[in-house]
């Protein structure tokens, strides 16, 4: 019966462009029900270990979120769904350990429509499976389709998007209309193209998912160190000051002045030409200063 159900789910997943027939859906439900007799109660923790492949400590932690489950029917359907996307047992265990509630997702109500939508964006089944492995709970929301659709042209390719998601999984859970899009529009207004925004997000993954007011404050800070919007160094300046407080920036500027024996004007020139100096550790700056001033014999200017 397990093979029957997996075959049905595989068929549904292999033909996402056409809606699944009601007969197939009934067969899926019947298969899930047939494999889920529950005469003696449902031991969630044991199920997580024996069927999902979690370790006992992982299962103990995950089971606290699944205490309401009375039957393995829906979890079984979810596991078949994940298997149909090509996830290995280890992949499935990782997804369930990260997001136990994935086992409660409606396969036909939520997961299959998401697959339909992503397939419409020309993602393959294996690519969709890779997305599930990365974003877990975000995949349980139908809005994931519109978000992937928005990010694909912004980041240039699915591979770039997947690399970004490894660094910032909140890209697919952040509010697209209230947070992400306003941030992207504002950054474009600052003279950054989509390629610049993508590069900025590689170094500062939370840039698009941060409160827009905070992003505006970062831009003001970048301008405050002497790098105007639209200049060639603006992306590097924004990258350098992102999530640094004004106090930390001021302290770094003072350290640069003292360590390299620069005047106010000289440190301003240095920071404008190389904003990432603000991200260097004091130990690194001290080492560079000793080498350039003492060993090489350069003047501070």
Protein backbone atom coordinates (compact mmCIF):
# COMPACT_ATOMS: atom_id res chain seq x y z
CA UNK A 1 0.00 0.00 0.00
CA UNK A 2 2.91 2.34 0.73
CA UNK A 3 4.19 1.78 -2.81
CA UNK A 4 0.72 2.47 -4.19
CA UNK A 5 0.49 5.77 -2.35
CA UNK A 6 4.01 6.83 -3.38
CA UNK A 7 3.17 5.96 -6.99
CA UNK A 8 0.05 8.14 -6.81
CA UNK A 9 1.91 11.08 -5.31
CA UNK A 10 4.70 10.67 -7.88
CA UNK A 11 2.09 10.81 -10.63
CA UNK A 12 0.56 13.96 -9.18
CA UNK A 13 3.98 15.59 -8.95
CA UNK A 14 5.07 14.54 -12.41
CA UNK A 15 2.07 16.23 -14.04
CA UNK A 16 1.83 19.58 -12.24
CA UNK A 17 0.74 21.49 -15.32
CA UNK A 18 -2.58 19.70 -15.31
CA UNK A 19 -4.76 19.61 -12.20
CA UNK A 20 -4.90 16.22 -10.49
CA UNK A 21 -8.17 14.42 -11.13
CA UNK A 22 -10.63 13.88 -8.32
CA UNK A 23 -10.14 10.13 -8.75
CA UNK A 24 -6.42 10.40 -8.07
CA UNK A 25 -7.10 12.56 -5.06
CA UNK A 26 -9.54 10.01 -3.70
CA UNK A 27 -6.97 7.26 -4.25
CA UNK A 28 -4.38 9.29 -2.37
CA UNK A 29 -6.73 9.75 0.56
CA UNK A 30 -7.69 6.09 0.52
CA UNK A 31 -4.05 5.01 0.41
CA UNK A 32 -3.14 7.24 3.34
CA UNK A 33 -6.07 5.97 5.35
CA UNK A 34 -5.37 2.34 4.53
CA UNK A 35 -1.83 2.50 5.82
CA UNK A 36 -2.79 4.31 9.00
CA UNK A 37 -4.70 1.98 11.29
CA UNK A 38 -4.53 3.30 14.79
CA UNK A 39 -5.87 0.72 17.20
CA UNK A 40 -3.53 1.48 20.05
CA UNK A 41 -2.91 5.21 19.74
CA UNK A 42 -0.26 7.11 17.82
CA UNK A 43 3.22 7.26 19.42
CA UNK A 44 4.57 10.45 17.85
CA UNK A 45 8.08 10.17 19.21
CA UNK A 46 8.52 6.61 17.98
CA UNK A 47 7.10 7.59 14.59
CA UNK A 48 9.62 10.39 14.27
CA UNK A 49 12.47 7.98 14.99
CA UNK A 50 11.31 4.88 13.14
CA UNK A 51 9.61 6.44 10.13
CA UNK A 52 11.12 9.91 9.76
CA UNK A 53 14.69 9.04 10.71
CA UNK A 54 15.17 11.55 13.54
CA UNK A 55 17.49 10.81 16.42
CA UNK A 56 15.83 10.19 19.75
CA UNK A 57 16.79 13.65 21.15
CA UNK A 58 15.51 15.31 17.95
CA UNK A 59 12.29 13.33 18.15
CA UNK A 60 11.78 14.23 21.79
CA UNK A 61 12.11 17.93 20.97
CA UNK A 62 9.96 17.75 17.81
CA UNK A 63 7.20 15.71 19.44
CA UNK A 64 6.24 18.63 21.69
CA UNK A 65 4.92 20.42 18.61
CA UNK A 66 3.04 17.38 17.35
CA UNK A 67 1.22 16.25 20.48
CA UNK A 68 -2.11 16.99 18.78
CA UNK A 69 -1.56 14.32 16.11
CA UNK A 70 -3.78 11.28 16.63
CA UNK A 71 -2.92 9.39 13.44
CA UNK A 72 0.01 9.03 11.04
CA UNK A 73 -2.28 9.51 8.02
CA UNK A 74 -1.28 13.08 7.20
CA UNK A 75 2.40 12.65 8.12
CA UNK A 76 2.52 9.60 5.85
CA UNK A 77 1.11 11.64 2.97
CA UNK A 78 3.68 14.38 3.63
CA UNK A 79 6.54 11.86 3.67
CA UNK A 80 5.36 10.47 0.35
CA UNK A 81 5.19 14.00 -1.01
CA UNK A 82 8.79 14.68 0.05
CA UNK A 83 9.91 11.38 -1.39
CA UNK A 84 8.23 12.31 -4.65
CA UNK A 85 10.39 15.43 -4.80
CA UNK A 86 13.50 13.29 -4.54
CA UNK A 87 14.41 13.97 -0.91
CA UNK A 88 16.44 11.22 0.70
CA UNK A 89 15.67 9.81 4.13
CA UNK A 90 18.39 12.04 5.57
CA UNK A 91 16.91 15.08 3.78
CA UNK A 92 13.45 14.28 5.12
CA UNK A 93 14.81 13.87 8.64
CA UNK A 94 16.51 17.26 8.38
CA UNK A 95 13.29 18.96 7.21
CA UNK A 96 11.18 17.39 9.96
CA UNK A 97 13.78 18.15 12.66
CA UNK A 98 13.88 21.81 11.58
CA UNK A 99 10.13 22.13 11.06
CA UNK A 100 8.09 19.37 12.74
CA UNK A 101 4.85 21.06 11.68
CA UNK A 102 5.70 20.26 8.08
CA UNK A 103 4.17 16.86 8.85
CA UNK A 104 0.85 18.62 9.46
CA UNK A 105 0.79 20.49 6.14
CA UNK A 106 -2.06 19.69 3.78
CA UNK A 107 -0.57 17.88 0.80
CA UNK A 108 -3.41 18.66 -1.60
CA UNK A 109 -4.57 21.89 -0.01
CA UNK A 110 -1.14 23.53 0.25
CA UNK A 111 1.91 21.55 -0.88
CA UNK A 112 0.74 20.38 -4.30
CA UNK A 113 -0.50 23.87 -5.30
CA UNK A 114 2.92 25.25 -4.32
CA UNK A 115 4.57 22.64 -6.54
CA UNK A 116 2.17 23.58 -9.35
CA UNK A 117 3.12 27.24 -9.00
CA UNK A 118 6.87 26.63 -8.84
CA UNK A 119 6.72 24.29 -11.81
CA UNK A 120 4.99 27.11 -13.66
CA UNK A 121 8.15 29.14 -12.96
CA UNK A 122 10.12 26.36 -14.71
CA UNK A 123 11.61 24.82 -11.58
CA UNK A 124 12.26 21.11 -11.87
CA UNK A 125 11.12 18.59 -9.28
CA UNK A 126 14.68 18.24 -7.93
CA UNK A 127 15.03 22.03 -7.71
CA UNK A 128 11.77 22.23 -5.79
CA UNK A 129 13.05 19.49 -3.49
CA UNK A 130 16.21 21.51 -2.88
CA UNK A 131 14.06 24.52 -2.05
CA UNK A 132 12.10 22.51 0.53
CA UNK A 133 15.36 21.41 2.15
CA UNK A 134 16.46 25.03 2.49
CA UNK A 135 13.33 26.89 3.55
CA UNK A 136 11.27 24.30 5.48
CA UNK A 137 8.34 26.17 7.02
CA UNK A 138 8.20 28.85 4.31
CA UNK A 139 7.29 26.14 1.82
CA UNK A 140 4.08 25.53 3.77
CA UNK A 141 2.73 28.91 2.60
CA UNK A 142 1.35 29.41 -0.88
CA UNK A 143 2.93 32.88 -0.96
CA UNK A 144 6.29 31.17 -1.49
CA UNK A 145 5.46 31.01 -5.21
CA UNK A 146 5.02 34.77 -5.65
CA UNK A 147 8.18 35.39 -3.62
CA UNK A 148 10.29 33.05 -5.73
CA UNK A 149 8.80 34.70 -8.81
CA UNK A 150 9.92 38.11 -7.50
CA UNK A 151 13.42 37.03 -6.47
CA UNK A 152 14.38 35.11 -9.61
CA UNK A 153 14.90 38.20 -11.84
CA UNK A 154 16.33 40.19 -8.93
CA UNK A 155 19.07 37.65 -8.21
CA UNK A 156 19.47 36.60 -11.82
CA UNK A 157 19.00 32.84 -11.53
CA UNK A 158 17.67 30.07 -9.34
CA UNK A 159 21.23 29.07 -8.37
CA UNK A 160 21.88 32.59 -7.09
CA UNK A 161 18.59 32.57 -5.19
CA UNK A 162 19.41 29.22 -3.58
CA UNK A 163 22.84 30.52 -2.56
CA UNK A 164 21.15 33.53 -1.00
CA UNK A 165 18.65 31.34 0.83
CA UNK A 166 21.50 29.41 2.42
CA UNK A 167 22.58 32.70 4.00
CA UNK A 168 19.18 34.23 4.66
CA UNK A 169 16.23 31.83 4.82
CA UNK A 170 13.94 34.69 5.89
CA UNK A 171 13.84 35.88 2.27
CA UNK A 172 10.84 33.59 1.75
CA UNK A 173 9.12 34.41 5.03
CA UNK A 174 9.57 38.20 5.03
CA UNK A 175 6.61 40.31 3.94
CA UNK A 176 7.14 40.97 0.24
CA UNK A 177 4.91 44.04 -0.09
CA UNK A 178 5.66 45.74 3.23
CA UNK A 179 9.36 44.96 3.62
CA UNK A 180 11.22 43.44 0.68
CA UNK A 181 9.81 45.45 -2.22
CA UNK A 182 10.03 48.82 -0.43
CA UNK A 183 13.66 48.09 0.42
CA UNK A 184 14.47 47.11 -3.16
CA UNK A 185 12.73 50.21 -4.55
CA UNK A 186 14.60 52.46 -2.12
CA UNK A 187 17.96 50.90 -2.96
CA UNK A 188 17.25 51.42 -6.66
CA UNK A 189 16.43 55.05 -5.88
CA UNK A 190 19.90 55.24 -4.31
CA UNK A 191 21.43 54.31 -7.65
CA UNK A 192 21.86 50.58 -7.17
CA UNK A 193 20.86 48.24 -9.96
CA UNK A 194 19.51 44.75 -9.40
CA UNK A 195 23.01 43.30 -9.85
CA UNK A 196 24.32 45.70 -7.18
CA UNK A 197 21.48 44.76 -4.82
CA UNK A 198 22.22 41.06 -5.35
CA UNK A 199 25.91 41.59 -4.59
CA UNK A 200 25.02 43.68 -1.55
CA UNK A 201 22.79 40.88 -0.25
CA UNK A 202 25.62 38.37 -0.58
CA UNK A 203 27.63 40.41 1.95
CA UNK A 204 24.65 41.65 3.96
CA UNK A 205 22.01 38.88 3.66
CA UNK A 206 19.45 40.68 5.84
CA UNK A 207 19.45 43.87 3.79
CA UNK A 208 16.16 43.16 2.01
CA UNK A 209 14.39 41.61 5.00
CA UNK A 210 15.22 44.37 7.48
CA UNK A 211 12.72 47.02 8.55
CA UNK A 212 12.71 49.68 5.77
CA UNK A 213 13.28 52.47 8.29
CA UNK A 214 16.49 50.79 9.38
CA UNK A 215 17.64 50.46 5.78
CA UNK A 216 17.05 54.20 5.34
CA UNK A 217 19.17 54.81 8.42
CA UNK A 218 21.96 52.68 6.93
CA UNK A 219 21.86 54.71 3.72
CA UNK A 220 22.06 57.93 5.73
CA UNK A 221 25.03 56.49 7.59
CA UNK A 222 26.79 55.61 4.33
CA UNK A 223 26.27 59.17 3.16
CA UNK A 224 27.52 60.36 6.55
CA UNK A 225 30.95 58.83 5.98
CA UNK A 226 31.22 60.87 2.80
CA UNK A 227 30.01 58.49 0.08
CA UNK A 228 27.07 59.98 -1.86
CA UNK A 229 24.23 58.00 -3.38
CA UNK A 230 24.85 57.03 -6.97
CA UNK A 231 28.63 56.99 -6.60
CA UNK A 232 30.66 53.97 -7.60
CA UNK A 233 31.58 53.27 -3.98
CA UNK A 234 28.09 53.57 -2.55
CA UNK A 235 27.38 49.83 -2.49
CA UNK A 236 30.66 49.17 -0.69
CA UNK A 237 29.94 51.99 1.76
CA UNK A 238 26.47 50.65 2.51
CA UNK A 239 27.92 47.17 2.93
CA UNK A 240 30.52 48.54 5.35
CA UNK A 241 28.14 50.43 7.64
CA UNK A 242 25.22 47.98 7.56
CA UNK A 243 24.12 47.07 11.08
CA UNK A 244 26.94 49.11 12.66
CA UNK A 245 25.86 51.69 15.21
CA UNK A 246 26.99 55.29 14.92
CA UNK A 247 28.99 54.76 18.10
CA UNK A 248 30.91 51.83 16.62
CA UNK A 249 31.61 53.74 13.41
CA UNK A 250 32.86 56.74 15.37
CA UNK A 251 35.06 54.50 17.51
CA UNK A 252 36.55 52.86 14.39
CA UNK A 253 37.23 56.24 12.80
CA UNK A 254 39.05 57.35 15.98
CA UNK A 255 41.06 54.13 15.99
CA UNK A 256 42.08 54.68 12.36
CA UNK A 257 43.17 58.23 13.14
CA UNK A 258 45.28 57.17 16.10
CA UNK A 259 46.71 54.01 14.57
CA UNK A 260 47.73 55.51 11.22
CA UNK A 261 48.35 59.00 12.64
CA UNK A 262 45.88 60.56 10.22
CA UNK A 263 44.18 63.91 10.39
CA UNK A 264 40.39 64.22 10.21
CA UNK A 265 40.66 65.03 6.50
CA UNK A 266 42.95 62.10 5.82
CA UNK A 267 40.79 59.54 7.61
CA UNK A 268 37.78 60.84 5.67
CA UNK A 269 39.64 60.31 2.39
CA UNK A 270 40.69 56.81 3.44
CA UNK A 271 37.19 55.76 4.50
CA UNK A 272 35.64 57.17 1.31
CA UNK A 273 38.12 55.27 -0.86
CA UNK A 274 37.98 52.05 1.19
CA UNK A 275 34.79 51.90 3.29
CA UNK A 276 35.49 48.32 4.33
CA UNK A 277 38.20 49.68 6.62
CA UNK A 278 35.31 50.15 9.04
CA UNK A 279 34.81 46.37 9.12
CA UNK A 280 38.43 45.47 9.80
CA UNK A 281 39.35 44.33 13.28
CA UNK A 282 41.53 46.56 15.41
CA UNK A 283 44.18 43.84 15.50
CA UNK A 284 44.31 43.73 11.70
CA UNK A 285 44.52 47.50 11.43
CA UNK A 286 47.28 47.60 14.04
CA UNK A 287 49.25 44.98 12.12
CA UNK A 288 48.88 46.90 8.83
CA UNK A 289 49.89 50.15 10.51
CA UNK A 290 53.06 48.68 12.01
CA UNK A 291 54.04 47.15 8.66
CA UNK A 292 53.37 50.24 6.53
CA UNK A 293 54.65 52.89 8.93
CA UNK A 294 57.49 51.09 10.69
CA UNK A 295 58.78 48.39 8.34
CA UNK A 296 58.06 49.98 4.96
CA UNK A 297 58.67 53.49 6.26
CA UNK A 298 55.69 55.22 4.66
CA UNK A 299 54.47 58.58 5.91
CA UNK A 300 50.91 58.64 7.29
CA UNK A 301 49.69 60.66 4.30
